[in-house]
Amino acid sequence: MDRLKEKYTVNITSLNESLYCLKVQPDFALANRALLVNTPEGNLLWDCISLLDEQTAGFINAMGGLKAIVISHPHYYTSMNEWAREFGCPIYIHSEDRRWPVYPTGNIRFWEGHEFSLWDGIRIVHTGGHFPGSCILHVPGMSEGGSVLCGDSLYVSRSRKHLAVMYSYPNQILLGRDEFHVFFERTADLEFDTVYGAFDNQEIKGNAMQIFRNSMLNYQRCYGLEGN
């Protein structure tokens, strides 16, 4: 962490009135972003970044600290234990990814089942797919129709006209037919109009539900699952 602080900083930008993007600059590791959700009942960090410096800790503490850290899947564990120790909060990870944390500290809370409710109607939804325990976060009050923070459990295309769910994104390997069917069933009842992905410029605002449905229909056609 001390070596990171010598060459890197954390850039904090506002994405909307209750959501902030935290990103290491210059790009480091996967170059993903963490998302800070600000609510009246407490703040939540969605996914994690490697660097936690005094400026970032000061910004979060000025907003009331962190009530929880929620991780979408193992690629974004990074220094989550240092973040949890700094803010004295739990880390929520689905139990199907139990084998992946290298340092399973007492801050980690493994949860089971399809959904886990937090506060203010916020819920973690277990989708599977990219990893067995892959999840998304549903935040109902962040936009008119509700927002989803998806990490890359759902991947927002550069055109922002398609949402992908795959086993391996770098290698362009699709989920198996059965795995996709499970993913589809677990997400079929979601309602939202906005999506925030794991990387810069991965926002779809207003029509995200229609894009999601069209994308899933394409997968159903590919797998011969139409009507199922």
C-alpha atoms as a PDB file:
ATOM      1  CA  MET A   1       0.000   0.000   0.000  1.00  0.00           C
ATOM      2  CA  ASP A   2       2.839   2.405   0.814  1.00  0.00           C
ATOM      3  CA  ARG A   3       4.420   1.757  -2.592  1.00  0.00           C
ATOM      4  CA  LEU A   4       1.092   2.361  -4.319  1.00  0.00           C
ATOM      5  CA  LYS A   5       0.779   5.720  -2.571  1.00  0.00           C
ATOM      6  CA  GLU A   6       4.108   6.824  -4.038  1.00  0.00           C
ATOM      7  CA  LYS A   7       2.898   6.736  -7.660  1.00  0.00           C
ATOM      8  CA  TYR A   8      -0.894   6.520  -7.623  1.00  0.00           C
ATOM      9  CA  THR A   9      -3.875   8.505  -6.406  1.00  0.00           C
ATOM     10  CA  VAL A  10      -7.621   7.912  -6.244  1.00  0.00           C
ATOM     11  CA  ASN A  11      -9.829  10.030  -8.463  1.00  0.00           C
ATOM     12  CA  ILE A  12     -13.312  10.580  -7.024  1.00  0.00           C
ATOM     13  CA  THR A  13     -16.108  11.746  -9.323  1.00  0.00           C
ATOM     14  CA  SER A  14     -19.859  12.109  -8.883  1.00  0.00           C
ATOM     15  CA  LEU A  15     -22.023   9.963 -11.154  1.00  0.00           C
ATOM     16  CA  ASN A  16     -25.293  11.185  -9.653  1.00  0.00           C
ATOM     17  CA  GLU A  17     -26.464  12.802  -6.429  1.00  0.00           C
ATOM     18  CA  SER A  18     -26.026   9.589  -4.428  1.00  0.00           C
ATOM     19  CA  LEU A  19     -23.319   7.687  -6.344  1.00  0.00           C
ATOM     20  CA  TYR A  20     -19.574   8.307  -6.588  1.00  0.00           C
ATOM     21  CA  CYS A  21     -16.916   6.626  -8.698  1.00  0.00           C
ATOM     22  CA  LEU A  22     -13.556   5.788  -7.084  1.00  0.00           C
ATOM     23  CA  LYS A  23     -10.778   4.968  -9.545  1.00  0.00           C
ATOM     24  CA  VAL A  24      -7.016   4.523  -9.169  1.00  0.00           C
ATOM     25  CA  GLN A  25      -5.018   6.903 -11.397  1.00  0.00           C
ATOM     26  CA  PRO A  26      -3.087   6.149 -13.511  1.00  0.00           C
ATOM     27  CA  ASP A  27      -4.785   2.833 -14.345  1.00  0.00           C
ATOM     28  CA  PHE A  28      -3.731  -0.013 -12.083  1.00  0.00           C
ATOM     29  CA  ALA A  29      -4.430  -3.766 -12.223  1.00  0.00           C
ATOM     30  CA  LEU A  30      -7.792  -4.301 -14.002  1.00  0.00           C
ATOM     31  CA  ALA A  31      -8.485  -0.542 -14.047  1.00  0.00           C
ATOM     32  CA  ASN A  32     -11.931  -1.139 -12.616  1.00  0.00           C
ATOM     33  CA  ARG A  33     -13.781   1.377 -10.485  1.00  0.00           C
ATOM     34  CA  ALA A  34     -15.442   1.044  -7.100  1.00  0.00           C
ATOM     35  CA  LEU A  35     -18.811   2.705  -6.588  1.00  0.00           C
ATOM     36  CA  LEU A  36     -19.750   4.509  -3.389  1.00  0.00           C
ATOM     37  CA  VAL A  37     -23.489   4.525  -2.694  1.00  0.00           C
ATOM     38  CA  ASN A  38     -24.596   7.301  -0.338  1.00  0.00           C
ATOM     39  CA  THR A  39     -27.921   6.757   1.475  1.00  0.00           C
ATOM     40  CA  PRO A  40     -29.574   8.263   4.581  1.00  0.00           C
ATOM     41  CA  GLU A  41     -29.133   4.952   6.410  1.00  0.00           C
ATOM     42  CA  GLY A  42     -25.443   4.555   5.596  1.00  0.00           C
ATOM     43  CA  ASN A  43     -22.869   4.283   2.834  1.00  0.00           C
ATOM     44  CA  LEU A  44     -21.994   1.202   0.825  1.00  0.00           C
ATOM     45  CA  LEU A  45     -18.920   0.443  -1.281  1.00  0.00           C
ATOM     46  CA  TRP A  46     -19.658  -1.727  -4.309  1.00  0.00           C
ATOM     47  CA  ASP A  47     -16.564  -3.672  -5.356  1.00  0.00           C
ATOM     48  CA  CYS A  48     -13.106  -2.507  -4.365  1.00  0.00           C
ATOM     49  CA  ILE A  49      -9.954  -0.848  -5.672  1.00  0.00           C
ATOM     50  CA  SER A  50      -6.395  -1.458  -4.518  1.00  0.00           C
ATOM     51  CA  LEU A  51      -5.427   1.948  -3.145  1.00  0.00           C
ATOM     52  CA  LEU A  52      -6.859   3.427   0.026  1.00  0.00           C
ATOM     53  CA  ASP A  53      -5.135   6.743   0.790  1.00  0.00           C
ATOM     54  CA  GLU A  54      -5.773   9.488   3.338  1.00  0.00           C
ATOM     55  CA  GLN A  55      -7.677  11.676   0.882  1.00  0.00           C
ATOM     56  CA  THR A  56     -10.089   8.871  -0.001  1.00  0.00           C
ATOM     57  CA  ALA A  57     -10.571   7.814   3.621  1.00  0.00           C
ATOM     58  CA  GLY A  58     -11.167  11.445   4.576  1.00  0.00           C
ATOM     59  CA  PHE A  59     -13.777  11.891   1.828  1.00  0.00           C
ATOM     60  CA  ILE A  60     -15.681   8.775   2.876  1.00  0.00           C
ATOM     61  CA  ASN A  61     -15.463   9.581   6.588  1.00  0.00           C
ATOM     62  CA  ALA A  62     -16.796  13.071   5.922  1.00  0.00           C
ATOM     63  CA  MET A  63     -19.853  11.400   4.387  1.00  0.00           C
ATOM     64  CA  GLY A  64     -20.338   9.135   7.410  1.00  0.00           C
ATOM     65  CA  GLY A  65     -17.943   6.255   6.722  1.00  0.00           C
ATOM     66  CA  LEU A  66     -18.925   2.856   5.352  1.00  0.00           C
ATOM     67  CA  LYS A  67     -21.694   0.623   6.647  1.00  0.00           C
ATOM     68  CA  ALA A  68     -20.812  -2.249   4.291  1.00  0.00           C
ATOM     69  CA  ILE A  69     -18.640  -3.399   1.413  1.00  0.00           C
ATOM     70  CA  VAL A  70     -20.308  -5.638  -1.176  1.00  0.00           C
ATOM     71  CA  ILE A  71     -18.237  -7.540  -3.755  1.00  0.00           C
ATOM     72  CA  SER A  72     -19.663  -8.703  -7.075  1.00  0.00           C
ATOM     73  CA  HIS A  73     -17.091 -11.460  -7.669  1.00  0.00           C
ATOM     74  CA  PRO A  74     -13.466 -12.430  -6.851  1.00  0.00           C
ATOM     75  CA  HIS A  75     -11.725 -10.249  -9.465  1.00  0.00           C
ATOM     76  CA  TYR A  76     -12.503  -7.209  -7.298  1.00  0.00           C
ATOM     77  CA  TYR A  77     -11.468  -8.464  -3.856  1.00  0.00           C
ATOM     78  CA  THR A  78      -8.097  -6.661  -4.047  1.00  0.00           C
ATOM     79  CA  SER A  79      -7.410  -4.861  -0.712  1.00  0.00           C
ATOM     80  CA  MET A  80     -10.968  -5.243   0.623  1.00  0.00           C
ATOM     81  CA  ASN A  81      -9.699  -6.326   4.051  1.00  0.00           C
ATOM     82  CA  GLU A  82      -7.744  -3.089   4.460  1.00  0.00           C
ATOM     83  CA  TRP A  83     -10.851  -1.100   3.524  1.00  0.00           C
ATOM     84  CA  ALA A  84     -13.011  -3.058   5.972  1.00  0.00           C
ATOM     85  CA  ARG A  85     -10.469  -2.593   8.749  1.00  0.00           C
ATOM     86  CA  GLU A  86     -10.218   1.162   8.090  1.00  0.00           C
ATOM     87  CA  PHE A  87     -13.980   1.709   8.241  1.00  0.00           C
ATOM     88  CA  GLY A  88     -14.920  -1.057  10.677  1.00  0.00           C
ATOM     89  CA  CYS A  89     -17.502  -2.600   8.363  1.00  0.00           C
ATOM     90  CA  PRO A  90     -18.418  -6.075   7.052  1.00  0.00           C
ATOM     91  CA  ILE A  91     -17.665  -7.392   3.559  1.00  0.00           C
ATOM     92  CA  TYR A  92     -20.539  -9.300   1.919  1.00  0.00           C
ATOM     93  CA  ILE A  93     -19.575 -12.144  -0.441  1.00  0.00           C
ATOM     94  CA  HIS A  94     -21.831 -14.919  -1.699  1.00  0.00           C
ATOM     95  CA  SER A  95     -21.074 -18.306  -0.158  1.00  0.00           C
ATOM     96  CA  GLU A  96     -20.569 -19.955  -3.556  1.00  0.00           C
ATOM     97  CA  ASP A  97     -17.330 -17.937  -3.839  1.00  0.00           C
ATOM     98  CA  ARG A  98     -16.194 -18.999  -0.362  1.00  0.00           C
ATOM     99  CA  ARG A  99     -13.064 -20.700  -1.682  1.00  0.00           C
ATOM    100  CA  TRP A 100     -11.652 -17.568  -3.339  1.00  0.00           C
ATOM    101  CA  PRO A 101     -10.677 -15.111  -0.549  1.00  0.00           C
ATOM    102  CA  VAL A 102      -6.977 -15.618   0.145  1.00  0.00           C
ATOM    103  CA  TYR A 103      -7.228 -13.887   3.526  1.00  0.00           C
ATOM    104  CA  PRO A 104     -10.641 -14.805   5.013  1.00  0.00           C
ATOM    105  CA  THR A 105     -10.680 -12.291   7.875  1.00  0.00           C
ATOM    106  CA  GLY A 106     -13.437 -11.847  10.433  1.00  0.00           C
ATOM    107  CA  ASN A 107     -14.809  -8.920   8.401  1.00  0.00           C
ATOM    108  CA  ILE A 108     -16.064 -11.217   5.643  1.00  0.00           C
ATOM    109  CA  ARG A 109     -19.700 -12.275   5.825  1.00  0.00           C
ATOM    110  CA  PHE A 110     -20.628 -15.136   3.490  1.00  0.00           C
ATOM    111  CA  TRP A 111     -24.305 -15.083   2.641  1.00  0.00           C
ATOM    112  CA  GLU A 112     -26.466 -17.724   0.984  1.00  0.00           C
ATOM    113  CA  GLY A 113     -29.527 -17.889  -1.205  1.00  0.00           C
ATOM    114  CA  HIS A 114     -30.882 -15.792  -4.045  1.00  0.00           C
ATOM    115  CA  GLU A 115     -31.078 -12.366  -2.392  1.00  0.00           C
ATOM    116  CA  PHE A 116     -29.690 -10.526   0.604  1.00  0.00           C
ATOM    117  CA  SER A 117     -31.444  -7.388   1.865  1.00  0.00           C
ATOM    118  CA  LEU A 118     -29.383  -4.503   3.215  1.00  0.00           C
ATOM    119  CA  TRP A 119     -31.234  -1.232   3.956  1.00  0.00           C
ATOM    120  CA  ASP A 120     -33.390   1.359   2.160  1.00  0.00           C
ATOM    121  CA  GLY A 121     -34.642  -1.443  -0.091  1.00  0.00           C
ATOM    122  CA  ILE A 122     -31.122  -2.165  -1.387  1.00  0.00           C
ATOM    123  CA  ARG A 123     -30.564  -5.859  -2.102  1.00  0.00           C
ATOM    124  CA  ILE A 124     -27.765  -8.060  -3.387  1.00  0.00           C
ATOM    125  CA  VAL A 125     -28.964 -10.469  -6.076  1.00  0.00           C
ATOM    126  CA  HIS A 126     -27.072 -13.693  -6.730  1.00  0.00           C
ATOM    127  CA  THR A 127     -26.876 -14.221 -10.493  1.00  0.00           C
ATOM    128  CA  GLY A 128     -24.038 -16.688 -10.938  1.00  0.00           C
ATOM    129  CA  GLY A 129     -22.573 -16.845 -14.427  1.00  0.00           C
ATOM    130  CA  HIS A 130     -19.173 -15.196 -14.569  1.00  0.00           C
ATOM    131  CA  PHE A 131     -18.314 -16.806 -11.207  1.00  0.00           C
ATOM    132  CA  PRO A 132     -20.479 -19.218  -9.191  1.00  0.00           C
ATOM    133  CA  GLY A 133     -21.162 -16.473  -6.650  1.00  0.00           C
ATOM    134  CA  SER A 134     -21.391 -13.508  -9.031  1.00  0.00           C
ATOM    135  CA  CYS A 135     -23.845 -10.864  -7.875  1.00  0.00           C
ATOM    136  CA  ILE A 136     -25.378  -7.537  -8.787  1.00  0.00           C
ATOM    137  CA  LEU A 137     -26.701  -4.783  -6.523  1.00  0.00           C
ATOM    138  CA  HIS A 138     -30.221  -3.407  -6.933  1.00  0.00           C
ATOM    139  CA  VAL A 139     -30.715   0.148  -5.611  1.00  0.00           C
ATOM    140  CA  PRO A 140     -34.393   1.101  -6.021  1.00  0.00           C
ATOM    141  CA  GLY A 141     -34.253   4.806  -5.178  1.00  0.00           C
ATOM    142  CA  MET A 142     -31.239   5.846  -7.222  1.00  0.00           C
ATOM    143  CA  SER A 143     -33.242   6.459 -10.411  1.00  0.00           C
ATOM    144  CA  GLU A 144     -36.916   6.620 -11.304  1.00  0.00           C
ATOM    145  CA  GLY A 145     -37.115   2.953 -12.253  1.00  0.00           C
ATOM    146  CA  GLY A 146     -34.321   1.673 -10.011  1.00  0.00           C
ATOM    147  CA  SER A 147     -30.629   1.148 -10.690  1.00  0.00           C
ATOM    148  CA  VAL A 148     -28.369  -1.880 -10.948  1.00  0.00           C
ATOM    149  CA  LEU A 149     -24.669  -1.881 -10.112  1.00  0.00           C
ATOM    150  CA  CYS A 150     -23.406  -4.898 -11.988  1.00  0.00           C
ATOM    151  CA  GLY A 151     -19.610  -5.032 -11.868  1.00  0.00           C
ATOM    152  CA  ASP A 152     -19.059  -7.267 -14.848  1.00  0.00           C
ATOM    153  CA  SER A 153     -21.590  -9.885 -13.807  1.00  0.00           C
ATOM    154  CA  LEU A 154     -23.236  -8.004 -16.664  1.00  0.00           C
ATOM    155  CA  TYR A 155     -20.854  -6.372 -19.109  1.00  0.00           C
ATOM    156  CA  VAL A 156     -21.860  -3.094 -20.752  1.00  0.00           C
ATOM    157  CA  SER A 157     -20.766  -3.005 -24.397  1.00  0.00           C
ATOM    158  CA  ARG A 158     -18.910   0.026 -25.743  1.00  0.00           C
ATOM    159  CA  SER A 159     -21.930   0.945 -27.823  1.00  0.00           C
ATOM    160  CA  ARG A 160     -24.105   0.782 -24.667  1.00  0.00           C
ATOM    161  CA  LYS A 161     -26.637  -1.070 -26.797  1.00  0.00           C
ATOM    162  CA  HIS A 162     -25.941  -4.555 -25.452  1.00  0.00           C
ATOM    163  CA  LEU A 163     -25.381  -6.249 -22.100  1.00  0.00           C
ATOM    164  CA  ALA A 164     -23.271  -9.404 -22.092  1.00  0.00           C
ATOM    165  CA  VAL A 165     -23.036 -12.265 -19.623  1.00  0.00           C
ATOM    166  CA  MET A 166     -20.119 -14.601 -20.254  1.00  0.00           C
ATOM    167  CA  TYR A 167     -17.842 -17.113 -18.583  1.00  0.00           C
ATOM    168  CA  SER A 168     -14.702 -15.324 -19.776  1.00  0.00           C
ATOM    169  CA  TYR A 169     -14.727 -11.826 -21.242  1.00  0.00           C
ATOM    170  CA  PRO A 170     -11.046 -11.598 -22.336  1.00  0.00           C
ATOM    171  CA  ASN A 171     -11.300 -14.976 -24.090  1.00  0.00           C
ATOM    172  CA  GLN A 172     -14.836 -14.401 -25.423  1.00  0.00           C
ATOM    173  CA  ILE A 173     -16.128 -17.660 -23.937  1.00  0.00           C
ATOM    174  CA  LEU A 174     -19.909 -17.822 -23.528  1.00  0.00           C
ATOM    175  CA  LEU A 175     -21.647 -19.329 -20.547  1.00  0.00           C
ATOM    176  CA  GLY A 176     -22.836 -22.857 -21.051  1.00  0.00           C
ATOM    177  CA  ARG A 177     -26.490 -23.252 -21.972  1.00  0.00           C
ATOM    178  CA  ASP A 178     -27.530 -24.475 -18.514  1.00  0.00           C
ATOM    179  CA  GLU A 179     -25.559 -21.748 -16.721  1.00  0.00           C
ATOM    180  CA  PHE A 180     -27.201 -19.073 -18.842  1.00  0.00           C
ATOM    181  CA  HIS A 181     -30.640 -20.495 -18.143  1.00  0.00           C
ATOM    182  CA  VAL A 182     -29.991 -20.227 -14.395  1.00  0.00           C
ATOM    183  CA  PHE A 183     -28.733 -16.648 -14.814  1.00  0.00           C
ATOM    184  CA  PHE A 184     -31.813 -15.718 -16.810  1.00  0.00           C
ATOM    185  CA  GLU A 185     -34.203 -17.173 -14.247  1.00  0.00           C
ATOM    186  CA  ARG A 186     -32.479 -15.350 -11.391  1.00  0.00           C
ATOM    187  CA  THR A 187     -32.687 -11.960 -13.133  1.00  0.00           C
ATOM    188  CA  ALA A 188     -36.083 -12.270 -14.854  1.00  0.00           C
ATOM    189  CA  ASP A 189     -38.002 -10.347 -12.185  1.00  0.00           C
ATOM    190  CA  LEU A 190     -35.611  -7.404 -11.887  1.00  0.00           C
ATOM    191  CA  GLU A 191     -36.950  -3.943 -12.641  1.00  0.00           C
ATOM    192  CA  PHE A 192     -34.560  -1.076 -13.359  1.00  0.00           C
ATOM    193  CA  ASP A 193     -33.918   1.696 -15.842  1.00  0.00           C
ATOM    194  CA  THR A 194     -30.235   2.409 -15.168  1.00  0.00           C
ATOM    195  CA  VAL A 195     -27.070   0.299 -15.069  1.00  0.00           C
ATOM    196  CA  TYR A 196     -23.574   1.150 -13.826  1.00  0.00           C
ATOM    197  CA  GLY A 197     -20.793  -1.220 -14.896  1.00  0.00           C
ATOM    198  CA  ALA A 198     -17.307  -1.969 -13.604  1.00  0.00           C
ATOM    199  CA  PHE A 199     -15.366   0.403 -15.846  1.00  0.00           C
ATOM    200  CA  ASP A 200     -15.353   3.999 -17.045  1.00  0.00           C
ATOM    201  CA  ASN A 201     -18.189   5.066 -19.343  1.00  0.00           C
ATOM    202  CA  GLN A 202     -20.238   1.966 -18.582  1.00  0.00           C
ATOM    203  CA  GLU A 203     -23.528   3.642 -17.740  1.00  0.00           C
ATOM    204  CA  ILE A 204     -26.874   3.090 -19.408  1.00  0.00           C
ATOM    205  CA  LYS A 205     -29.485   5.541 -18.172  1.00  0.00           C
ATOM    206  CA  GLY A 206     -33.214   5.504 -18.805  1.00  0.00           C
ATOM    207  CA  ASN A 207     -33.569   2.528 -21.158  1.00  0.00           C
ATOM    208  CA  ALA A 208     -31.369  -0.091 -19.480  1.00  0.00           C
ATOM    209  CA  MET A 209     -34.274  -2.490 -18.881  1.00  0.00           C
ATOM    210  CA  GLN A 210     -35.147  -2.651 -22.579  1.00  0.00           C
ATOM    211  CA  ILE A 211     -31.500  -3.178 -23.539  1.00  0.00           C
ATOM    212  CA  PHE A 212     -31.212  -5.924 -20.932  1.00  0.00           C
ATOM    213  CA  ARG A 213     -34.332  -7.703 -22.215  1.00  0.00           C
ATOM    214  CA  ASN A 214     -33.222  -7.467 -25.849  1.00  0.00           C
ATOM    215  CA  SER A 215     -29.768  -8.788 -24.932  1.00  0.00           C
ATOM    216  CA  MET A 216     -31.170 -11.712 -22.971  1.00  0.00           C
ATOM    217  CA  LEU A 217     -33.527 -12.534 -25.856  1.00  0.00           C
ATOM    218  CA  ASN A 218     -30.491 -12.761 -28.159  1.00  0.00           C
ATOM    219  CA  TYR A 219     -28.924 -15.257 -25.767  1.00  0.00           C
ATOM    220  CA  GLN A 220     -32.159 -17.258 -25.586  1.00  0.00           C
ATOM    221  CA  ARG A 221     -32.222 -17.498 -29.368  1.00  0.00           C
ATOM    222  CA  CYS A 222     -28.574 -18.543 -29.425  1.00  0.00           C
ATOM    223  CA  TYR A 223     -29.205 -21.342 -26.920  1.00  0.00           C
ATOM    224  CA  GLY A 224     -32.584 -22.377 -28.318  1.00  0.00           C
ATOM    225  CA  LEU A 225     -34.351 -21.377 -25.114  1.00  0.00           C
ATOM    226  CA  GLU A 226     -37.090 -19.183 -26.569  1.00  0.00           C
ATOM    227  CA  GLY A 227     -40.369 -19.782 -24.809  1.00  0.00           C
ATOM    228  CA  ASN A 228     -38.684 -21.414 -21.781  1.00  0.00           C
END
